[in-house]
Structure formats: C-alpha cells, structure tokens
Amino acid sequence: MTDTITLGVHGAAGRMGQRIVALAAKDPVFQLKAALEAAGSPHLGKDAGELAGVGRLDVPVTSTLDHRVDVIIDFSVPQAAVGIANLCAERQIPLVMATTGLEGEARDQVLAAAQTTPLLISPSMSLAVNLTMKLVREAARILKNVPEGVDVEVIERHHRFKEDAPSGTALRFGQIVAEEMQQTSHVHGRHGRPGLRPRDEIGYHALRVGDNVGEHMIVFGLMGETIDISVKSHTRDSYAYGALAAAKFLASRKPGLYSMADVMGF
C-alpha cells in the first residue's frame, strides 16, 4: 500500500457518501480526488467537502470520472452500482462495493468486475457486524448437534428510508446459519395460523423505525434457554470507517473478489 491513497467516492452526495468524504478528509492516508453522482443530481458542481460539512476540499461533485484514482468506494443504488462496477473493470480501478440490495443480474454484473480489478463486496461495511458474523458462524457450528433442535430467528431494525427488506446483512446472517445448520426454509414474517414451527426454518423480521442506522439480533432458541447475539450501529460512521479500512486494504491488491473477512484477517 502506498503512503497516500487517492480516493473516489461514488454516491458522494448521499448520506453515506458524505460521511465517507468527511472521514477521509481527516485521514492523512487518503486524498479525495473524485466525488461522483448521477448525471441529474442537483448537487453537481458543489464542493464535496462543503457538502459533507468539513469545509472546502476543491473537489467538485461530477457525473464523470476525470481523474485516475487508486480506489473507489461505492455507496449508491443498485442501478448506479452496475455502472461504476463496469467503469472500474474497464479502467482496472479497485472497487469497494458497499451498495446493498443487489440481486440477480445486477449482482452478477457487479461481481464480473472481479475478473479484471480488485473488488470487495460485503452486505455490511461495519467491522463489528463482520466480527459478529464470525461469532454467529461459530455458535451455529456448535449448536447444530443439539438433540432437541435449535430454532433460529433473525431480527433487524433500520431507518424508515431503507428500501430493501430484510437487510442484506440480515440475509447474510441467515445464510451463515443455514450453511452450518442446514436449514432449507427461510420465512419472512408470520401471520395467521402457520402451525408448528418446522425444524428446518429460519425466520426473518424487519423493523423500519425512525432514523435507526442498523441493529441485528440473531436468536438461537433452545429448550429451556436462549442465546441472543446482537450488534448495533450507533451512527453511520461505523459503516464509513469500515469502508475506508476496506479501501486501504484493496488499493494494493491483485484483481479478484475480496470480503471484509479478508480486511479483518479471518
């Protein structure tokens, strides 16, 4: 990794993009070179630093990448994420993909960028969330042989503006448990009279309340006792710091697909 990393932020005018810009401005490792937004954004031409509340950085918000950068962090929307992934693949720019809600063809197109450039994609940039995923995997591995069986539920809370449900992080928690415990049924909420709970089921429950930036709780229900593993983000900075750590890791890597587990060394 070089002493200074030139950084581009895609989705720079969004809530997360602004926090990436603000925190990168305080980190001597980073030099912000590009702040990207959609062509129709009302923020085009504004100074990215002023928009993020940290003073003038002399980096205007633009819709095109006019400077070579060492790495790009994307916090945008699925449609825009495909575009920046294609651009990074074409120019061989390392890409930290933090956009959630990628599914089907869009996700496949993003993943294809790893063939020609370093790509790190994760359902959550939070360091605490990714450590919790490791803890959940270990718990599931140990509990899978409990003779009476173990019921697993994933409960998540996010702000009222979040468009996808359950969160990508909640789905990843469920996937981790299923990989270890072999559940094959994934149920999203319950109503009516669903009957006896199947042994192969994982339940998901998504709450959308106020300005909650993110909470996840994985419940392992045993006969006579319960284990709750939970993680809470107090501010969006938890995701921003994780994304910046990922950018530092990725800037000097070879083309390929990476995860936050690689960043954290497990």
C-alpha atoms as a PDB file:
ATOM      1  CA  MET A   1       0.000   0.000   0.000  1.00  0.00           C
ATOM      2  CA  THR A   2       1.316   3.460  -0.929  1.00  0.00           C
ATOM      3  CA  ASP A   3       1.730   6.238   1.640  1.00  0.00           C
ATOM      4  CA  THR A   4      -1.125   8.194   0.070  1.00  0.00           C
ATOM      5  CA  ILE A   5      -4.220   6.662  -1.492  1.00  0.00           C
ATOM      6  CA  THR A   6      -6.178   8.718  -3.993  1.00  0.00           C
ATOM      7  CA  LEU A   7      -9.861   8.109  -3.422  1.00  0.00           C
ATOM      8  CA  GLY A   8     -13.054   8.373  -5.409  1.00  0.00           C
ATOM      9  CA  VAL A   9     -16.488   8.247  -3.772  1.00  0.00           C
ATOM     10  CA  HIS A  10     -19.460   7.182  -5.884  1.00  0.00           C
ATOM     11  CA  GLY A  11     -22.705   8.400  -4.357  1.00  0.00           C
ATOM     12  CA  ALA A  12     -20.827  11.280  -2.725  1.00  0.00           C
ATOM     13  CA  ALA A  13     -23.945  13.397  -2.101  1.00  0.00           C
ATOM     14  CA  GLY A  14     -25.830  10.656  -0.264  1.00  0.00           C
ATOM     15  CA  ARG A  15     -25.909  10.202   3.500  1.00  0.00           C
ATOM     16  CA  MET A  16     -23.147   7.596   3.492  1.00  0.00           C
ATOM     17  CA  GLY A  17     -21.173   9.251   0.729  1.00  0.00           C
ATOM     18  CA  GLN A  18     -20.990  12.470   2.724  1.00  0.00           C
ATOM     19  CA  ARG A  19     -19.672  10.606   5.772  1.00  0.00           C
ATOM     20  CA  ILE A  20     -17.049   8.845   3.653  1.00  0.00           C
ATOM     21  CA  VAL A  21     -15.904  12.221   2.325  1.00  0.00           C
ATOM     22  CA  ALA A  22     -15.873  13.775   5.798  1.00  0.00           C
ATOM     23  CA  LEU A  23     -13.886  10.987   7.449  1.00  0.00           C
ATOM     24  CA  ALA A  24     -11.485  10.562   4.528  1.00  0.00           C
ATOM     25  CA  ALA A  25     -10.704  14.291   4.762  1.00  0.00           C
ATOM     26  CA  LYS A  26      -9.445  13.713   8.320  1.00  0.00           C
ATOM     27  CA  ASP A  27      -7.352  10.662   7.421  1.00  0.00           C
ATOM     28  CA  PRO A  28      -3.834  11.524   6.180  1.00  0.00           C
ATOM     29  CA  VAL A  29      -3.687   8.309   4.165  1.00  0.00           C
ATOM     30  CA  PHE A  30      -6.427   9.492   1.798  1.00  0.00           C
ATOM     31  CA  GLN A  31      -6.532  12.226  -0.794  1.00  0.00           C
ATOM     32  CA  LEU A  32     -10.016  12.724  -2.204  1.00  0.00           C
ATOM     33  CA  LYS A  33      -9.787  13.120  -5.974  1.00  0.00           C
ATOM     34  CA  ALA A  34     -13.299  12.366  -7.225  1.00  0.00           C
ATOM     35  CA  ALA A  35     -16.819  12.819  -5.869  1.00  0.00           C
ATOM     36  CA  LEU A  36     -19.305  11.180  -8.221  1.00  0.00           C
ATOM     37  CA  GLU A  37     -23.072  11.495  -8.531  1.00  0.00           C
ATOM     38  CA  ALA A  38     -25.759  10.759 -11.104  1.00  0.00           C
ATOM     39  CA  ALA A  39     -25.955  12.999 -14.154  1.00  0.00           C
ATOM     40  CA  GLY A  40     -29.201  14.603 -12.983  1.00  0.00           C
ATOM     41  CA  SER A  41     -28.130  15.244  -9.394  1.00  0.00           C
ATOM     42  CA  PRO A  42     -28.863  18.761  -8.063  1.00  0.00           C
ATOM     43  CA  HIS A  43     -25.520  18.616  -6.242  1.00  0.00           C
ATOM     44  CA  LEU A  44     -23.353  18.586  -9.378  1.00  0.00           C
ATOM     45  CA  GLY A  45     -20.745  21.321  -9.238  1.00  0.00           C
ATOM     46  CA  LYS A  46     -20.866  21.707  -5.466  1.00  0.00           C
ATOM     47  CA  ASP A  47     -17.694  21.230  -3.466  1.00  0.00           C
ATOM     48  CA  ALA A  48     -17.718  17.753  -1.915  1.00  0.00           C
ATOM     49  CA  GLY A  49     -16.163  18.962   1.323  1.00  0.00           C
ATOM     50  CA  GLU A  50     -18.655  21.760   1.807  1.00  0.00           C
ATOM     51  CA  LEU A  51     -21.494  19.370   1.028  1.00  0.00           C
ATOM     52  CA  ALA A  52     -20.161  16.980   3.698  1.00  0.00           C
ATOM     53  CA  GLY A  53     -19.776  19.778   6.236  1.00  0.00           C
ATOM     54  CA  VAL A  54     -15.967  19.715   6.515  1.00  0.00           C
ATOM     55  CA  GLY A  55     -15.073  22.813   4.525  1.00  0.00           C
ATOM     56  CA  ARG A  56     -13.825  23.293   1.013  1.00  0.00           C
ATOM     57  CA  LEU A  57     -11.754  20.448  -0.452  1.00  0.00           C
ATOM     58  CA  ASP A  58     -11.622  21.777  -4.026  1.00  0.00           C
ATOM     59  CA  VAL A  59     -13.193  18.547  -5.287  1.00  0.00           C
ATOM     60  CA  PRO A  60     -16.400  19.275  -7.199  1.00  0.00           C
ATOM     61  CA  VAL A  61     -19.209  16.748  -7.417  1.00  0.00           C
ATOM     62  CA  THR A  62     -19.247  15.455 -11.004  1.00  0.00           C
ATOM     63  CA  SER A  63     -21.045  12.795 -13.018  1.00  0.00           C
ATOM     64  CA  THR A  64     -17.884  11.603 -14.796  1.00  0.00           C
ATOM     65  CA  LEU A  65     -14.581  10.273 -13.510  1.00  0.00           C
ATOM     66  CA  ASP A  66     -11.984  12.670 -14.863  1.00  0.00           C
ATOM     67  CA  HIS A  67      -9.052  11.682 -12.631  1.00  0.00           C
ATOM     68  CA  ARG A  68      -7.199   8.439 -12.081  1.00  0.00           C
ATOM     69  CA  VAL A  69      -7.755   7.210  -8.531  1.00  0.00           C
ATOM     70  CA  ASP A  70      -6.280   4.337  -6.546  1.00  0.00           C
ATOM     71  CA  VAL A  71      -9.630   3.075  -5.280  1.00  0.00           C
ATOM     72  CA  ILE A  72     -13.347   3.903  -5.421  1.00  0.00           C
ATOM     73  CA  ILE A  73     -15.908   3.401  -2.660  1.00  0.00           C
ATOM     74  CA  ASP A  74     -19.470   2.975  -3.889  1.00  0.00           C
ATOM     75  CA  PHE A  75     -22.435   3.820  -1.657  1.00  0.00           C
ATOM     76  CA  SER A  76     -25.189   4.362  -4.203  1.00  0.00           C
ATOM     77  CA  VAL A  77     -28.171   2.371  -5.528  1.00  0.00           C
ATOM     78  CA  PRO A  78     -28.186  -0.959  -7.409  1.00  0.00           C
ATOM     79  CA  GLN A  79     -28.702   0.582 -10.865  1.00  0.00           C
ATOM     80  CA  ALA A  80     -25.812   3.005 -10.403  1.00  0.00           C
ATOM     81  CA  ALA A  81     -23.626   0.344  -8.780  1.00  0.00           C
ATOM     82  CA  VAL A  82     -23.608  -1.661 -12.013  1.00  0.00           C
ATOM     83  CA  GLY A  83     -22.371   1.373 -13.931  1.00  0.00           C
ATOM     84  CA  ILE A  84     -19.484   2.129 -11.594  1.00  0.00           C
ATOM     85  CA  ALA A  85     -18.526  -1.557 -11.474  1.00  0.00           C
ATOM     86  CA  ASN A  86     -18.321  -1.643 -15.265  1.00  0.00           C
ATOM     87  CA  LEU A  87     -16.225   1.534 -15.277  1.00  0.00           C
ATOM     88  CA  CYS A  88     -13.834   0.181 -12.639  1.00  0.00           C
ATOM     89  CA  ALA A  89     -13.497  -3.088 -14.533  1.00  0.00           C
ATOM     90  CA  GLU A  90     -12.708  -1.218 -17.740  1.00  0.00           C
ATOM     91  CA  ARG A  91     -10.122   1.072 -16.111  1.00  0.00           C
ATOM     92  CA  GLN A  92      -8.875  -1.551 -13.610  1.00  0.00           C
ATOM     93  CA  ILE A  93      -9.657   0.584 -10.575  1.00  0.00           C
ATOM     94  CA  PRO A  94     -10.098  -1.264  -7.244  1.00  0.00           C
ATOM     95  CA  LEU A  95     -13.716  -1.002  -6.089  1.00  0.00           C
ATOM     96  CA  VAL A  96     -15.228  -1.243  -2.608  1.00  0.00           C
ATOM     97  CA  MET A  97     -18.874  -2.077  -3.295  1.00  0.00           C
ATOM     98  CA  ALA A  98     -20.938  -1.067  -0.257  1.00  0.00           C
ATOM     99  CA  THR A  99     -24.289  -0.695  -2.017  1.00  0.00           C
ATOM    100  CA  THR A 100     -26.925  -3.096  -0.695  1.00  0.00           C
ATOM    101  CA  GLY A 101     -29.973  -4.603  -2.404  1.00  0.00           C
ATOM    102  CA  LEU A 102     -28.020  -6.027  -5.355  1.00  0.00           C
ATOM    103  CA  GLU A 103     -29.855  -9.047  -6.754  1.00  0.00           C
ATOM    104  CA  GLY A 104     -29.941 -11.247  -9.828  1.00  0.00           C
ATOM    105  CA  GLU A 105     -28.407  -9.849 -12.984  1.00  0.00           C
ATOM    106  CA  ALA A 106     -27.291  -6.624 -11.300  1.00  0.00           C
ATOM    107  CA  ARG A 107     -25.281  -8.549  -8.722  1.00  0.00           C
ATOM    108  CA  ASP A 108     -23.807 -10.793 -11.411  1.00  0.00           C
ATOM    109  CA  GLN A 109     -22.687  -7.752 -13.410  1.00  0.00           C
ATOM    110  CA  VAL A 110     -21.021  -6.237 -10.368  1.00  0.00           C
ATOM    111  CA  LEU A 111     -19.256  -9.493  -9.481  1.00  0.00           C
ATOM    112  CA  ALA A 112     -17.937  -9.744 -13.040  1.00  0.00           C
ATOM    113  CA  ALA A 113     -15.677  -6.753 -12.319  1.00  0.00           C
ATOM    114  CA  ALA A 114     -13.509  -9.024 -10.141  1.00  0.00           C
ATOM    115  CA  GLN A 115     -12.194 -10.678 -13.304  1.00  0.00           C
ATOM    116  CA  THR A 116     -10.163  -7.584 -14.177  1.00  0.00           C
ATOM    117  CA  THR A 117      -9.884  -5.492 -10.997  1.00  0.00           C
ATOM    118  CA  PRO A 118      -9.871  -5.951  -7.208  1.00  0.00           C
ATOM    119  CA  LEU A 119     -13.468  -5.971  -5.958  1.00  0.00           C
ATOM    120  CA  LEU A 120     -14.557  -6.060  -2.333  1.00  0.00           C
ATOM    121  CA  ILE A 121     -18.253  -6.583  -1.775  1.00  0.00           C
ATOM    122  CA  SER A 122     -19.993  -7.061   1.554  1.00  0.00           C
ATOM    123  CA  PRO A 123     -23.566  -6.825   2.857  1.00  0.00           C
ATOM    124  CA  SER A 124     -22.165  -4.615   5.631  1.00  0.00           C
ATOM    125  CA  MET A 125     -19.033  -2.489   5.923  1.00  0.00           C
ATOM    126  CA  SER A 126     -19.232  -2.455   9.722  1.00  0.00           C
ATOM    127  CA  LEU A 127     -16.252  -4.049  11.434  1.00  0.00           C
ATOM    128  CA  ALA A 128     -18.451  -5.033  14.393  1.00  0.00           C
ATOM    129  CA  VAL A 129     -21.047  -6.656  12.137  1.00  0.00           C
ATOM    130  CA  ASN A 130     -18.418  -8.693  10.334  1.00  0.00           C
ATOM    131  CA  LEU A 131     -16.921  -9.888  13.602  1.00  0.00           C
ATOM    132  CA  THR A 132     -20.446 -10.791  14.752  1.00  0.00           C
ATOM    133  CA  MET A 133     -20.855 -12.884  11.596  1.00  0.00           C
ATOM    134  CA  LYS A 134     -17.838 -14.902  12.630  1.00  0.00           C
ATOM    135  CA  LEU A 135     -19.280 -15.378  16.132  1.00  0.00           C
ATOM    136  CA  VAL A 136     -22.658 -16.439  14.699  1.00  0.00           C
ATOM    137  CA  ARG A 137     -20.986 -18.999  12.454  1.00  0.00           C
ATOM    138  CA  GLU A 138     -19.147 -20.483  15.426  1.00  0.00           C
ATOM    139  CA  ALA A 139     -22.334 -20.612  17.502  1.00  0.00           C
ATOM    140  CA  ALA A 140     -24.251 -22.286  14.686  1.00  0.00           C
ATOM    141  CA  ARG A 141     -21.475 -24.822  14.149  1.00  0.00           C
ATOM    142  CA  ILE A 142     -21.519 -25.827  17.808  1.00  0.00           C
ATOM    143  CA  LEU A 143     -25.309 -25.810  18.232  1.00  0.00           C
ATOM    144  CA  LYS A 144     -26.177 -27.820  15.132  1.00  0.00           C
ATOM    145  CA  ASN A 145     -25.883 -31.099  17.021  1.00  0.00           C
ATOM    146  CA  VAL A 146     -28.185 -30.199  19.927  1.00  0.00           C
ATOM    147  CA  PRO A 147     -30.514 -33.258  20.091  1.00  0.00           C
ATOM    148  CA  GLU A 148     -33.708 -31.289  20.788  1.00  0.00           C
ATOM    149  CA  GLY A 149     -33.013 -28.905  17.923  1.00  0.00           C
ATOM    150  CA  VAL A 150     -32.388 -25.150  17.840  1.00  0.00           C
ATOM    151  CA  ASP A 151     -34.743 -22.509  16.448  1.00  0.00           C
ATOM    152  CA  VAL A 152     -33.137 -19.531  14.728  1.00  0.00           C
ATOM    153  CA  GLU A 153     -34.676 -16.119  14.119  1.00  0.00           C
ATOM    154  CA  VAL A 154     -33.028 -13.006  12.656  1.00  0.00           C
ATOM    155  CA  ILE A 155     -34.430  -9.653  13.749  1.00  0.00           C
ATOM    156  CA  GLU A 156     -33.237  -6.384  12.217  1.00  0.00           C
ATOM    157  CA  ARG A 157     -34.064  -2.693  12.625  1.00  0.00           C
ATOM    158  CA  HIS A 158     -33.300   0.106  10.200  1.00  0.00           C
ATOM    159  CA  HIS A 159     -34.441   3.645   9.422  1.00  0.00           C
ATOM    160  CA  ARG A 160     -37.706   4.396   7.665  1.00  0.00           C
ATOM    161  CA  PHE A 161     -35.892   5.355   4.447  1.00  0.00           C
ATOM    162  CA  LYS A 162     -34.338   1.933   3.789  1.00  0.00           C
ATOM    163  CA  GLU A 163     -35.867   0.465   0.645  1.00  0.00           C
ATOM    164  CA  ASP A 164     -34.918  -3.224   0.880  1.00  0.00           C
ATOM    165  CA  ALA A 165     -36.124  -5.702   3.499  1.00  0.00           C
ATOM    166  CA  PRO A 166     -34.821  -7.741   5.118  1.00  0.00           C
ATOM    167  CA  SER A 167     -31.442  -6.051   5.027  1.00  0.00           C
ATOM    168  CA  GLY A 168     -28.641  -7.674   3.096  1.00  0.00           C
ATOM    169  CA  THR A 169     -26.847  -8.111   6.407  1.00  0.00           C
ATOM    170  CA  ALA A 170     -29.811  -9.990   7.918  1.00  0.00           C
ATOM    171  CA  LEU A 171     -29.943 -12.277   4.896  1.00  0.00           C
ATOM    172  CA  ARG A 172     -26.218 -12.929   5.218  1.00  0.00           C
ATOM    173  CA  PHE A 173     -26.626 -13.855   8.884  1.00  0.00           C
ATOM    174  CA  GLY A 174     -29.316 -16.320   7.845  1.00  0.00           C
ATOM    175  CA  GLN A 175     -27.134 -17.724   5.099  1.00  0.00           C
ATOM    176  CA  ILE A 176     -24.264 -18.257   7.537  1.00  0.00           C
ATOM    177  CA  VAL A 177     -26.529 -20.144   9.953  1.00  0.00           C
ATOM    178  CA  ALA A 178     -28.012 -22.221   7.140  1.00  0.00           C
ATOM    179  CA  GLU A 179     -24.553 -23.176   5.884  1.00  0.00           C
ATOM    180  CA  GLU A 180     -23.702 -24.602   9.295  1.00  0.00           C
ATOM    181  CA  MET A 181     -27.077 -25.991  10.426  1.00  0.00           C
ATOM    182  CA  GLN A 182     -28.591 -26.992   7.040  1.00  0.00           C
ATOM    183  CA  GLN A 183     -31.891 -25.109   7.337  1.00  0.00           C
ATOM    184  CA  THR A 184     -33.625 -25.029   3.972  1.00  0.00           C
ATOM    185  CA  SER A 185     -36.711 -22.916   4.721  1.00  0.00           C
ATOM    186  CA  HIS A 186     -36.391 -19.124   5.010  1.00  0.00           C
ATOM    187  CA  VAL A 187     -39.577 -17.403   6.219  1.00  0.00           C
ATOM    188  CA  HIS A 188     -40.100 -13.632   6.169  1.00  0.00           C
ATOM    189  CA  GLY A 189     -42.512 -12.728   8.943  1.00  0.00           C
ATOM    190  CA  ARG A 190     -45.529 -14.742  10.094  1.00  0.00           C
ATOM    191  CA  HIS A 191     -49.267 -14.216  10.269  1.00  0.00           C
ATOM    192  CA  GLY A 192     -52.440 -16.235  10.583  1.00  0.00           C
ATOM    193  CA  ARG A 193     -52.030 -19.820  11.745  1.00  0.00           C
ATOM    194  CA  PRO A 194     -48.723 -21.091  10.294  1.00  0.00           C
ATOM    195  CA  GLY A 195     -48.830 -24.150  12.546  1.00  0.00           C
ATOM    196  CA  LEU A 196     -45.980 -25.957  14.262  1.00  0.00           C
ATOM    197  CA  ARG A 197     -42.594 -24.363  13.593  1.00  0.00           C
ATOM    198  CA  PRO A 198     -40.605 -26.569  11.180  1.00  0.00           C
ATOM    199  CA  ARG A 199     -37.168 -27.682  12.333  1.00  0.00           C
ATOM    200  CA  ASP A 200     -35.522 -26.545   9.085  1.00  0.00           C
ATOM    201  CA  GLU A 201     -36.786 -22.949   9.272  1.00  0.00           C
ATOM    202  CA  ILE A 202     -35.047 -19.602   9.758  1.00  0.00           C
ATOM    203  CA  GLY A 203     -37.357 -16.653  10.414  1.00  0.00           C
ATOM    204  CA  TYR A 204     -36.624 -13.049   9.428  1.00  0.00           C
ATOM    205  CA  HIS A 205     -38.284  -9.958  10.867  1.00  0.00           C
ATOM    206  CA  ALA A 206     -37.592  -6.455   9.523  1.00  0.00           C
ATOM    207  CA  LEU A 207     -38.450  -3.323  11.529  1.00  0.00           C
ATOM    208  CA  ARG A 208     -38.372   0.132   9.914  1.00  0.00           C
ATOM    209  CA  VAL A 209     -38.381   2.844  12.557  1.00  0.00           C
ATOM    210  CA  GLY A 210     -37.288   6.482  12.675  1.00  0.00           C
ATOM    211  CA  ASP A 211     -33.607   7.095  11.979  1.00  0.00           C
ATOM    212  CA  ASN A 212     -32.229   3.781  13.278  1.00  0.00           C
ATOM    213  CA  VAL A 213     -28.944   3.216  11.435  1.00  0.00           C
ATOM    214  CA  GLY A 214     -28.883  -0.529  11.978  1.00  0.00           C
ATOM    215  CA  GLU A 215     -29.387  -3.289  14.555  1.00  0.00           C
ATOM    216  CA  HIS A 216     -29.274  -7.049  14.105  1.00  0.00           C
ATOM    217  CA  MET A 217     -30.070  -9.785  16.593  1.00  0.00           C
ATOM    218  CA  ILE A 218     -29.692 -13.484  15.888  1.00  0.00           C
ATOM    219  CA  VAL A 219     -31.739 -15.608  18.280  1.00  0.00           C
ATOM    220  CA  PHE A 220     -30.826 -19.230  18.958  1.00  0.00           C
ATOM    221  CA  GLY A 221     -33.745 -20.788  20.815  1.00  0.00           C
ATOM    222  CA  LEU A 222     -33.031 -23.986  22.732  1.00  0.00           C
ATOM    223  CA  MET A 223     -35.367 -25.888  25.015  1.00  0.00           C
ATOM    224  CA  GLY A 224     -35.105 -24.113  28.377  1.00  0.00           C
ATOM    225  CA  GLU A 225     -32.676 -21.378  27.298  1.00  0.00           C
ATOM    226  CA  THR A 226     -31.942 -18.791  24.622  1.00  0.00           C
ATOM    227  CA  ILE A 227     -28.827 -17.212  23.150  1.00  0.00           C
ATOM    228  CA  ASP A 228     -29.128 -13.727  21.637  1.00  0.00           C
ATOM    229  CA  ILE A 229     -26.185 -12.418  19.613  1.00  0.00           C
ATOM    230  CA  SER A 230     -26.701  -8.762  18.751  1.00  0.00           C
ATOM    231  CA  VAL A 231     -24.820  -5.893  17.171  1.00  0.00           C
ATOM    232  CA  LYS A 232     -25.884  -2.247  16.998  1.00  0.00           C
ATOM    233  CA  SER A 233     -24.562   0.678  14.993  1.00  0.00           C
ATOM    234  CA  HIS A 234     -24.963   3.999  16.784  1.00  0.00           C
ATOM    235  CA  THR A 235     -24.014   6.205  13.820  1.00  0.00           C
ATOM    236  CA  ARG A 236     -23.382   5.754  10.105  1.00  0.00           C
ATOM    237  CA  ASP A 237     -19.709   6.333  10.825  1.00  0.00           C
ATOM    238  CA  SER A 238     -19.430   2.628  11.728  1.00  0.00           C
ATOM    239  CA  TYR A 239     -20.047   1.794   8.065  1.00  0.00           C
ATOM    240  CA  ALA A 240     -17.874   4.637   6.815  1.00  0.00           C
ATOM    241  CA  TYR A 241     -14.855   3.630   8.912  1.00  0.00           C
ATOM    242  CA  GLY A 242     -15.226   0.052   7.705  1.00  0.00           C
ATOM    243  CA  ALA A 243     -15.415   1.150   4.070  1.00  0.00           C
ATOM    244  CA  LEU A 244     -12.273   3.253   4.466  1.00  0.00           C
ATOM    245  CA  ALA A 245     -10.458   0.306   6.058  1.00  0.00           C
ATOM    246  CA  ALA A 246     -11.565  -1.806   3.093  1.00  0.00           C
ATOM    247  CA  ALA A 247     -10.270   0.845   0.672  1.00  0.00           C
ATOM    248  CA  LYS A 248      -6.855   0.840   2.366  1.00  0.00           C
ATOM    249  CA  PHE A 249      -6.745  -2.945   2.104  1.00  0.00           C
ATOM    250  CA  LEU A 250      -7.920  -3.131  -1.500  1.00  0.00           C
ATOM    251  CA  ALA A 251      -5.850  -0.369  -3.088  1.00  0.00           C
ATOM    252  CA  SER A 252      -2.762  -2.555  -3.500  1.00  0.00           C
ATOM    253  CA  ARG A 253      -4.401  -5.937  -4.198  1.00  0.00           C
ATOM    254  CA  LYS A 254      -4.449  -8.026  -7.342  1.00  0.00           C
ATOM    255  CA  PRO A 255      -7.682  -8.490  -9.327  1.00  0.00           C
ATOM    256  CA  GLY A 256     -10.143 -10.800  -7.628  1.00  0.00           C
ATOM    257  CA  LEU A 257     -13.046 -10.954  -5.213  1.00  0.00           C
ATOM    258  CA  TYR A 258     -12.482  -9.945  -1.588  1.00  0.00           C
ATOM    259  CA  SER A 259     -14.588  -9.608   1.561  1.00  0.00           C
ATOM    260  CA  MET A 260     -14.457  -7.850   4.918  1.00  0.00           C
ATOM    261  CA  ALA A 261     -13.147 -11.096   6.384  1.00  0.00           C
ATOM    262  CA  ASP A 262     -10.009 -10.517   4.305  1.00  0.00           C
ATOM    263  CA  VAL A 263      -9.730  -6.953   5.632  1.00  0.00           C
ATOM    264  CA  MET A 264     -10.039  -8.162   9.239  1.00  0.00           C
ATOM    265  CA  GLY A 265      -7.719 -11.106   8.795  1.00  0.00           C
ATOM    266  CA  PHE A 266     -10.035 -14.055   9.419  1.00  0.00           C
END
